[in-house]
Amino acid sequence: MDEQLKVFIKRGQLMIAILIAVLVIFLFAQMGYQQKTLDQQNANQITVSGEGKIYAKPDVAIVNLGVHTQGATVAEVTGSNTKEMNAIISAVKKLKIADKDIQTTNYNLTPLYNYTEKAGSVFQGYTLDQNVQVKVRDFTKIGDVLADATDSGANLVGDLQFTIDNPQQFKDQARAKAIAQAKLNAKNLAKESGLGLGKLINVYEGYSPSPIMYNAMEKSSGIGGGIAAPTIQPGQQEIDVTINLTYQVR
């Protein structure tokens, strides 16, 4: 009885091993078939690209106004910094900049240490950095915003940027140009290669706005201090859309 049981178990193990082997062979065959099918599909496709560029005049200037303050105590630093920042915001509002276009972007209070070889880290007090971002929609006021803000206490005017508040209409125009260019490229490619264009099966879009940036300007550079406000030229902004079209070919 025991010998028959051993034979039965061995036969069962053999059957299981055979089933596993068959399953592995089937899976590898299926993967090979899918890869072959995918390769055939990719071989019957072409992808072409087109680029559309639109140049538009910016309608918003963005400027960051900041106050850096250093003092012995938290009360001294926050009191001085807050006073100057309130004066800056008041000066900007007097130029009829709306509340919605003034936003606090940074408030950073940190202890200040000075390291020496003899004493190591020595506590020196505190520093406070506070920044607001201002959107200027009337470009004739840009110079006045810069000059009045620095006269009111801003010791750093950073990263003046020109942009378009609602770029979608220009993006749509650039996309249309890119699609037209991609279709023309596909038509020419098919004509020159002898292929026949089939169904459009995939579209990919890439978008690249290019805001106009200016480097940070400190008060010592000539802004403020009673000096005439600088003249700012916004130039043009480039809106670039790239389209990739994938076609089946015959």
C-alpha atoms as a PDB file:
ATOM      1  CA  MET A   1       0.000   0.000   0.000  1.00  0.00           C
ATOM      2  CA  ASP A   2       2.834   2.346   0.846  1.00  0.00           C
ATOM      3  CA  GLU A   3       4.587   1.615  -2.471  1.00  0.00           C
ATOM      4  CA  GLN A   4       1.396   2.389  -4.398  1.00  0.00           C
ATOM      5  CA  LEU A   5       1.036   5.685  -2.524  1.00  0.00           C
ATOM      6  CA  LYS A   6       4.627   6.632  -3.381  1.00  0.00           C
ATOM      7  CA  VAL A   7       4.035   5.832  -7.041  1.00  0.00           C
ATOM      8  CA  PHE A   8       0.839   7.897  -7.017  1.00  0.00           C
ATOM      9  CA  ILE A   9       2.606  10.861  -5.430  1.00  0.00           C
ATOM     10  CA  LYS A  10       5.464  10.694  -7.938  1.00  0.00           C
ATOM     11  CA  ARG A  11       2.989  10.602 -10.839  1.00  0.00           C
ATOM     12  CA  GLY A  12       1.190  13.595  -9.385  1.00  0.00           C
ATOM     13  CA  GLN A  13       4.431  15.540  -9.033  1.00  0.00           C
ATOM     14  CA  LEU A  14       5.364  14.650 -12.602  1.00  0.00           C
ATOM     15  CA  MET A  15       1.986  15.883 -13.881  1.00  0.00           C
ATOM     16  CA  ILE A  16       2.366  19.142 -11.970  1.00  0.00           C
ATOM     17  CA  ALA A  17       5.859  19.643 -13.387  1.00  0.00           C
ATOM     18  CA  ILE A  18       4.576  19.004 -16.917  1.00  0.00           C
ATOM     19  CA  LEU A  19       1.707  21.506 -16.420  1.00  0.00           C
ATOM     20  CA  ILE A  20       4.112  24.140 -15.142  1.00  0.00           C
ATOM     21  CA  ALA A  21       6.430  23.593 -18.092  1.00  0.00           C
ATOM     22  CA  VAL A  22       3.533  23.874 -20.546  1.00  0.00           C
ATOM     23  CA  LEU A  23       2.327  27.060 -18.834  1.00  0.00           C
ATOM     24  CA  VAL A  24       5.801  28.637 -19.011  1.00  0.00           C
ATOM     25  CA  ILE A  25       6.129  27.736 -22.703  1.00  0.00           C
ATOM     26  CA  PHE A  26       2.680  29.222 -23.377  1.00  0.00           C
ATOM     27  CA  LEU A  27       3.525  32.477 -21.553  1.00  0.00           C
ATOM     28  CA  PHE A  28       6.805  32.919 -23.448  1.00  0.00           C
ATOM     29  CA  ALA A  29       5.024  32.205 -26.738  1.00  0.00           C
ATOM     30  CA  GLN A  30       2.328  34.747 -25.869  1.00  0.00           C
ATOM     31  CA  MET A  31       4.916  37.400 -24.982  1.00  0.00           C
ATOM     32  CA  GLY A  32       6.734  36.749 -28.240  1.00  0.00           C
ATOM     33  CA  TYR A  33       3.516  37.077 -30.212  1.00  0.00           C
ATOM     34  CA  GLN A  34       2.587  40.353 -28.471  1.00  0.00           C
ATOM     35  CA  GLN A  35       6.070  41.788 -29.072  1.00  0.00           C
ATOM     36  CA  LYS A  36       5.929  40.762 -32.732  1.00  0.00           C
ATOM     37  CA  THR A  37       2.489  42.348 -33.087  1.00  0.00           C
ATOM     38  CA  LEU A  38       3.690  45.525 -31.370  1.00  0.00           C
ATOM     39  CA  ASP A  39       6.736  45.707 -33.622  1.00  0.00           C
ATOM     40  CA  GLN A  40       4.517  45.284 -36.679  1.00  0.00           C
ATOM     41  CA  GLN A  41       2.197  48.032 -35.476  1.00  0.00           C
ATOM     42  CA  ASN A  42       5.096  50.401 -34.785  1.00  0.00           C
ATOM     43  CA  ALA A  43       6.555  49.598 -38.191  1.00  0.00           C
ATOM     44  CA  ASN A  44       3.291  50.775 -39.743  1.00  0.00           C
ATOM     45  CA  GLN A  45       3.338  54.156 -37.996  1.00  0.00           C
ATOM     46  CA  ILE A  46       5.076  57.466 -38.497  1.00  0.00           C
ATOM     47  CA  THR A  47       5.332  60.434 -36.151  1.00  0.00           C
ATOM     48  CA  VAL A  48       5.779  63.979 -37.404  1.00  0.00           C
ATOM     49  CA  SER A  49       6.161  67.227 -35.495  1.00  0.00           C
ATOM     50  CA  GLY A  50       5.237  70.836 -36.046  1.00  0.00           C
ATOM     51  CA  GLU A  51       6.040  74.043 -34.175  1.00  0.00           C
ATOM     52  CA  GLY A  52       3.916  77.132 -33.789  1.00  0.00           C
ATOM     53  CA  LYS A  53       5.194  80.412 -32.385  1.00  0.00           C
ATOM     54  CA  ILE A  54       3.192  83.483 -31.457  1.00  0.00           C
ATOM     55  CA  TYR A  55       4.699  86.761 -30.271  1.00  0.00           C
ATOM     56  CA  ALA A  56       2.444  88.758 -27.982  1.00  0.00           C
ATOM     57  CA  LYS A  57       2.884  91.932 -25.996  1.00  0.00           C
ATOM     58  CA  PRO A  58       2.851  91.311 -22.211  1.00  0.00           C
ATOM     59  CA  ASP A  59       0.044  92.925 -20.257  1.00  0.00           C
ATOM     60  CA  VAL A  60       1.283  92.351 -16.684  1.00  0.00           C
ATOM     61  CA  ALA A  61       4.536  93.275 -14.976  1.00  0.00           C
ATOM     62  CA  ILE A  62       5.440  91.358 -11.818  1.00  0.00           C
ATOM     63  CA  VAL A  63       7.949  92.773  -9.379  1.00  0.00           C
ATOM     64  CA  ASN A  64       9.111  91.471  -5.986  1.00  0.00           C
ATOM     65  CA  LEU A  65       9.661  94.100  -3.314  1.00  0.00           C
ATOM     66  CA  GLY A  66      11.546  93.115  -0.185  1.00  0.00           C
ATOM     67  CA  VAL A  67      12.801  94.429   3.137  1.00  0.00           C
ATOM     68  CA  HIS A  68      15.809  92.888   4.911  1.00  0.00           C
ATOM     69  CA  THR A  69      16.195  93.969   8.531  1.00  0.00           C
ATOM     70  CA  GLN A  70      18.753  93.084  11.199  1.00  0.00           C
ATOM     71  CA  GLY A  71      18.539  93.822  14.939  1.00  0.00           C
ATOM     72  CA  ALA A  72      19.376  92.680  18.446  1.00  0.00           C
ATOM     73  CA  THR A  73      15.890  91.494  19.462  1.00  0.00           C
ATOM     74  CA  VAL A  74      12.823  90.025  17.829  1.00  0.00           C
ATOM     75  CA  ALA A  75      10.769  93.078  18.789  1.00  0.00           C
ATOM     76  CA  GLU A  76      13.315  95.449  17.258  1.00  0.00           C
ATOM     77  CA  VAL A  77      13.562  93.493  14.004  1.00  0.00           C
ATOM     78  CA  THR A  78       9.842  92.878  13.508  1.00  0.00           C
ATOM     79  CA  GLY A  79       8.919  96.445  14.471  1.00  0.00           C
ATOM     80  CA  SER A  80      11.347  98.029  12.015  1.00  0.00           C
ATOM     81  CA  ASN A  81      10.609  95.566   9.215  1.00  0.00           C
ATOM     82  CA  THR A  82       6.838  95.862   9.574  1.00  0.00           C
ATOM     83  CA  LYS A  83       6.997  99.653   9.588  1.00  0.00           C
ATOM     84  CA  GLU A  84       8.991  99.730   6.354  1.00  0.00           C
ATOM     85  CA  MET A  85       6.878  97.080   4.630  1.00  0.00           C
ATOM     86  CA  ASN A  86       3.650  98.898   5.543  1.00  0.00           C
ATOM     87  CA  ALA A  87       5.134 102.083   4.088  1.00  0.00           C
ATOM     88  CA  ILE A  88       6.027 100.239   0.871  1.00  0.00           C
ATOM     89  CA  ILE A  89       2.528  98.781   0.494  1.00  0.00           C
ATOM     90  CA  SER A  90       0.970 102.167   1.221  1.00  0.00           C
ATOM     91  CA  ALA A  91       3.160 103.800  -1.452  1.00  0.00           C
ATOM     92  CA  VAL A  92       2.207 101.133  -3.984  1.00  0.00           C
ATOM     93  CA  LYS A  93      -1.507 101.488  -3.231  1.00  0.00           C
ATOM     94  CA  LYS A  94      -1.263 105.242  -3.727  1.00  0.00           C
ATOM     95  CA  LEU A  95      -0.357 104.418  -7.341  1.00  0.00           C
ATOM     96  CA  LYS A  96      -3.778 102.704  -7.598  1.00  0.00           C
ATOM     97  CA  ILE A  97      -2.455  99.140  -7.518  1.00  0.00           C
ATOM     98  CA  ALA A  98      -5.390  96.926  -6.478  1.00  0.00           C
ATOM     99  CA  ASP A  99      -5.281  94.861  -3.286  1.00  0.00           C
ATOM    100  CA  LYS A 100      -5.677  91.656  -5.323  1.00  0.00           C
ATOM    101  CA  ASP A 101      -2.405  92.460  -7.104  1.00  0.00           C
ATOM    102  CA  ILE A 102      -0.345  92.711  -3.891  1.00  0.00           C
ATOM    103  CA  GLN A 103       0.608  89.419  -2.268  1.00  0.00           C
ATOM    104  CA  THR A 104       2.973  88.562   0.590  1.00  0.00           C
ATOM    105  CA  THR A 105       5.274  85.801  -0.644  1.00  0.00           C
ATOM    106  CA  ASN A 106       7.853  85.492   2.138  1.00  0.00           C
ATOM    107  CA  TYR A 107       8.210  86.190   5.860  1.00  0.00           C
ATOM    108  CA  ASN A 108      11.363  84.669   7.329  1.00  0.00           C
ATOM    109  CA  LEU A 109      12.685  85.451  10.811  1.00  0.00           C
ATOM    110  CA  THR A 110      15.986  83.751  11.707  1.00  0.00           C
ATOM    111  CA  PRO A 111      18.641  84.068  14.437  1.00  0.00           C
ATOM    112  CA  LEU A 112      21.975  85.437  13.333  1.00  0.00           C
ATOM    113  CA  TYR A 113      25.271  83.908  14.434  1.00  0.00           C
ATOM    114  CA  ASN A 114      28.865  84.923  13.783  1.00  0.00           C
ATOM    115  CA  TYR A 115      31.524  82.225  13.901  1.00  0.00           C
ATOM    116  CA  THR A 116      35.018  82.908  15.243  1.00  0.00           C
ATOM    117  CA  GLU A 117      37.848  80.466  15.905  1.00  0.00           C
ATOM    118  CA  LYS A 118      38.229  81.680  19.453  1.00  0.00           C
ATOM    119  CA  ALA A 119      34.633  81.797  20.611  1.00  0.00           C
ATOM    120  CA  GLY A 120      32.868  79.553  18.099  1.00  0.00           C
ATOM    121  CA  SER A 121      29.296  80.554  17.188  1.00  0.00           C
ATOM    122  CA  VAL A 122      28.370  83.881  18.773  1.00  0.00           C
ATOM    123  CA  PHE A 123      24.750  85.061  18.777  1.00  0.00           C
ATOM    124  CA  GLN A 124      24.432  88.416  16.997  1.00  0.00           C
ATOM    125  CA  GLY A 125      20.688  89.005  16.939  1.00  0.00           C
ATOM    126  CA  TYR A 126      18.024  88.349  14.336  1.00  0.00           C
ATOM    127  CA  THR A 127      17.330  88.969  10.660  1.00  0.00           C
ATOM    128  CA  LEU A 128      13.907  89.296   9.095  1.00  0.00           C
ATOM    129  CA  ASP A 129      13.164  89.075   5.375  1.00  0.00           C
ATOM    130  CA  GLN A 130       9.719  90.014   4.137  1.00  0.00           C
ATOM    131  CA  ASN A 131       8.677  90.129   0.479  1.00  0.00           C
ATOM    132  CA  VAL A 132       5.593  91.094  -1.471  1.00  0.00           C
ATOM    133  CA  GLN A 133       4.822  90.403  -5.102  1.00  0.00           C
ATOM    134  CA  VAL A 134       3.166  93.242  -6.997  1.00  0.00           C
ATOM    135  CA  LYS A 135       1.373  92.972 -10.332  1.00  0.00           C
ATOM    136  CA  VAL A 136       1.424  96.172 -12.338  1.00  0.00           C
ATOM    137  CA  ARG A 137      -1.127  96.305 -15.156  1.00  0.00           C
ATOM    138  CA  ASP A 138      -0.521  99.912 -16.191  1.00  0.00           C
ATOM    139  CA  PHE A 139       3.013  99.878 -17.558  1.00  0.00           C
ATOM    140  CA  THR A 140       3.324 103.646 -17.234  1.00  0.00           C
ATOM    141  CA  LYS A 141       3.425 103.080 -13.457  1.00  0.00           C
ATOM    142  CA  ILE A 142       6.232 100.515 -13.381  1.00  0.00           C
ATOM    143  CA  GLY A 143       8.994 103.046 -12.875  1.00  0.00           C
ATOM    144  CA  ASP A 144       6.990 104.858 -10.181  1.00  0.00           C
ATOM    145  CA  VAL A 145       6.343 101.570  -8.336  1.00  0.00           C
ATOM    146  CA  LEU A 146      10.073 100.807  -8.312  1.00  0.00           C
ATOM    147  CA  ALA A 147      11.110 104.306  -7.276  1.00  0.00           C
ATOM    148  CA  ASP A 148       8.400 104.873  -4.627  1.00  0.00           C
ATOM    149  CA  ALA A 149       8.902 101.422  -3.103  1.00  0.00           C
ATOM    150  CA  THR A 150      12.638 101.920  -2.641  1.00  0.00           C
ATOM    151  CA  ASP A 151      12.098 105.453  -1.327  1.00  0.00           C
ATOM    152  CA  SER A 152       9.746 103.914   1.247  1.00  0.00           C
ATOM    153  CA  GLY A 153      12.268 101.375   2.504  1.00  0.00           C
ATOM    154  CA  ALA A 154      12.546  98.476   0.049  1.00  0.00           C
ATOM    155  CA  ASN A 155      16.223  97.531  -0.071  1.00  0.00           C
ATOM    156  CA  LEU A 156      15.824  94.927  -2.783  1.00  0.00           C
ATOM    157  CA  VAL A 157      13.716  95.004  -5.929  1.00  0.00           C
ATOM    158  CA  GLY A 158      13.952  91.532  -7.436  1.00  0.00           C
ATOM    159  CA  ASP A 159      13.235  89.722 -10.662  1.00  0.00           C
ATOM    160  CA  LEU A 160      11.102  92.110 -12.650  1.00  0.00           C
ATOM    161  CA  GLN A 161       9.077  89.897 -14.983  1.00  0.00           C
ATOM    162  CA  PHE A 162       6.719  90.602 -17.850  1.00  0.00           C
ATOM    163  CA  THR A 163       4.031  88.084 -18.645  1.00  0.00           C
ATOM    164  CA  ILE A 164       0.573  87.665 -20.146  1.00  0.00           C
ATOM    165  CA  ASP A 165      -2.267  87.409 -17.663  1.00  0.00           C
ATOM    166  CA  ASN A 166      -4.393  85.162 -19.882  1.00  0.00           C
ATOM    167  CA  PRO A 167      -2.161  83.449 -22.467  1.00  0.00           C
ATOM    168  CA  GLN A 168      -4.751  80.862 -23.565  1.00  0.00           C
ATOM    169  CA  GLN A 169      -5.902  82.768 -26.664  1.00  0.00           C
ATOM    170  CA  PHE A 170      -2.311  83.030 -27.888  1.00  0.00           C
ATOM    171  CA  LYS A 171      -1.623  79.412 -26.996  1.00  0.00           C
ATOM    172  CA  ASP A 172      -4.619  78.384 -29.130  1.00  0.00           C
ATOM    173  CA  GLN A 173      -3.216  80.341 -32.072  1.00  0.00           C
ATOM    174  CA  ALA A 174       0.226  78.775 -31.641  1.00  0.00           C
ATOM    175  CA  ARG A 175      -1.316  75.291 -31.411  1.00  0.00           C
ATOM    176  CA  ALA A 176      -3.255  75.812 -34.630  1.00  0.00           C
ATOM    177  CA  LYS A 177      -0.048  76.838 -36.419  1.00  0.00           C
ATOM    178  CA  ALA A 178       1.808  73.824 -34.998  1.00  0.00           C
ATOM    179  CA  ILE A 179      -0.898  71.368 -36.088  1.00  0.00           C
ATOM    180  CA  ALA A 180      -1.005  72.852 -39.580  1.00  0.00           C
ATOM    181  CA  GLN A 181       2.787  72.574 -39.832  1.00  0.00           C
ATOM    182  CA  ALA A 182       2.764  68.964 -38.565  1.00  0.00           C
ATOM    183  CA  LYS A 183       0.059  67.964 -41.079  1.00  0.00           C
ATOM    184  CA  LEU A 184       2.019  69.574 -43.898  1.00  0.00           C
ATOM    185  CA  ASN A 185       5.172  67.748 -42.795  1.00  0.00           C
ATOM    186  CA  ALA A 186       3.255  64.452 -42.734  1.00  0.00           C
ATOM    187  CA  LYS A 187       1.870  65.060 -46.219  1.00  0.00           C
ATOM    188  CA  ASN A 188       5.292  65.907 -47.642  1.00  0.00           C
ATOM    189  CA  LEU A 189       6.946  62.950 -45.922  1.00  0.00           C
ATOM    190  CA  ALA A 190       4.337  60.530 -47.263  1.00  0.00           C
ATOM    191  CA  LYS A 191       4.654  61.965 -50.761  1.00  0.00           C
ATOM    192  CA  GLU A 192       8.442  61.772 -50.833  1.00  0.00           C
ATOM    193  CA  SER A 193       8.628  58.284 -49.302  1.00  0.00           C
ATOM    194  CA  GLY A 194       5.747  56.750 -51.254  1.00  0.00           C
ATOM    195  CA  LEU A 195       3.788  55.863 -48.122  1.00  0.00           C
ATOM    196  CA  GLY A 196       0.063  56.382 -47.782  1.00  0.00           C
ATOM    197  CA  LEU A 197      -1.198  58.203 -44.716  1.00  0.00           C
ATOM    198  CA  GLY A 198      -3.831  56.382 -42.708  1.00  0.00           C
ATOM    199  CA  LYS A 199      -5.710  57.224 -39.528  1.00  0.00           C
ATOM    200  CA  LEU A 200      -4.375  59.764 -37.051  1.00  0.00           C
ATOM    201  CA  ILE A 201      -3.907  57.719 -33.871  1.00  0.00           C
ATOM    202  CA  ASN A 202      -2.065  59.954 -31.401  1.00  0.00           C
ATOM    203  CA  VAL A 203      -1.470  63.640 -30.641  1.00  0.00           C
ATOM    204  CA  TYR A 204       1.082  65.029 -28.177  1.00  0.00           C
ATOM    205  CA  GLU A 205       1.429  68.709 -27.257  1.00  0.00           C
ATOM    206  CA  GLY A 206       4.383  70.524 -25.718  1.00  0.00           C
ATOM    207  CA  TYR A 207       3.990  74.094 -24.438  1.00  0.00           C
ATOM    208  CA  SER A 208       6.781  76.506 -23.628  1.00  0.00           C
ATOM    209  CA  PRO A 209       5.930  80.057 -22.518  1.00  0.00           C
ATOM    210  CA  SER A 210       8.886  82.422 -22.304  1.00  0.00           C
ATOM    211  CA  PRO A 211       8.341  85.196 -19.737  1.00  0.00           C
ATOM    212  CA  ILE A 212      10.663  88.174 -20.022  1.00  0.00           C
ATOM    213  CA  MET A 213      12.895  88.445 -16.959  1.00  0.00           C
ATOM    214  CA  TYR A 214      15.126  91.182 -15.586  1.00  0.00           C
ATOM    215  CA  ASN A 215      17.773  90.656 -12.918  1.00  0.00           C
ATOM    216  CA  ALA A 216      17.347  91.814  -9.352  1.00  0.00           C
ATOM    217  CA  MET A 217      18.107  95.481  -8.733  1.00  0.00           C
ATOM    218  CA  GLU A 218      19.267  96.920  -5.428  1.00  0.00           C
ATOM    219  CA  LYS A 219      18.530 100.385  -4.153  1.00  0.00           C
ATOM    220  CA  SER A 220      22.173 101.363  -4.587  1.00  0.00           C
ATOM    221  CA  SER A 221      21.878 100.762  -8.343  1.00  0.00           C
ATOM    222  CA  GLY A 222      20.129 104.068  -8.769  1.00  0.00           C
ATOM    223  CA  ILE A 223      16.483 103.319  -8.075  1.00  0.00           C
ATOM    224  CA  GLY A 224      14.935 105.467  -5.392  1.00  0.00           C
ATOM    225  CA  GLY A 225      16.618 108.076  -3.267  1.00  0.00           C
ATOM    226  CA  GLY A 226      14.900 110.855  -5.176  1.00  0.00           C
ATOM    227  CA  ILE A 227      16.375 109.774  -8.514  1.00  0.00           C
ATOM    228  CA  ALA A 228      14.040 109.746 -11.522  1.00  0.00           C
ATOM    229  CA  ALA A 229      12.112 106.512 -12.091  1.00  0.00           C
ATOM    230  CA  PRO A 230      13.669 104.240 -14.726  1.00  0.00           C
ATOM    231  CA  THR A 231      12.054 103.659 -18.108  1.00  0.00           C
ATOM    232  CA  ILE A 232      11.092 100.004 -18.589  1.00  0.00           C
ATOM    233  CA  GLN A 233      10.579  98.367 -21.994  1.00  0.00           C
ATOM    234  CA  PRO A 234       8.369  95.207 -21.840  1.00  0.00           C
ATOM    235  CA  GLY A 235       9.228  93.931 -25.329  1.00  0.00           C
ATOM    236  CA  GLN A 236       7.383  90.825 -26.587  1.00  0.00           C
ATOM    237  CA  GLN A 237       6.762  87.392 -25.145  1.00  0.00           C
ATOM    238  CA  GLU A 238       7.200  84.243 -27.208  1.00  0.00           C
ATOM    239  CA  ILE A 239       4.578  81.503 -26.875  1.00  0.00           C
ATOM    240  CA  ASP A 240       5.825  78.248 -28.375  1.00  0.00           C
ATOM    241  CA  VAL A 241       3.712  75.105 -28.911  1.00  0.00           C
ATOM    242  CA  THR A 242       5.060  71.848 -30.342  1.00  0.00           C
ATOM    243  CA  ILE A 243       2.711  69.182 -31.722  1.00  0.00           C
ATOM    244  CA  ASN A 244       3.599  65.548 -32.509  1.00  0.00           C
ATOM    245  CA  LEU A 245       1.144  63.632 -34.724  1.00  0.00           C
ATOM    246  CA  THR A 246       1.286  59.851 -35.133  1.00  0.00           C
ATOM    247  CA  TYR A 247      -0.324  58.313 -38.235  1.00  0.00           C
ATOM    248  CA  GLN A 248      -0.897  54.803 -39.433  1.00  0.00           C
ATOM    249  CA  VAL A 249       0.661  54.260 -42.840  1.00  0.00           C
ATOM    250  CA  ARG A 250      -0.222  51.979 -45.740  1.00  0.00           C
END
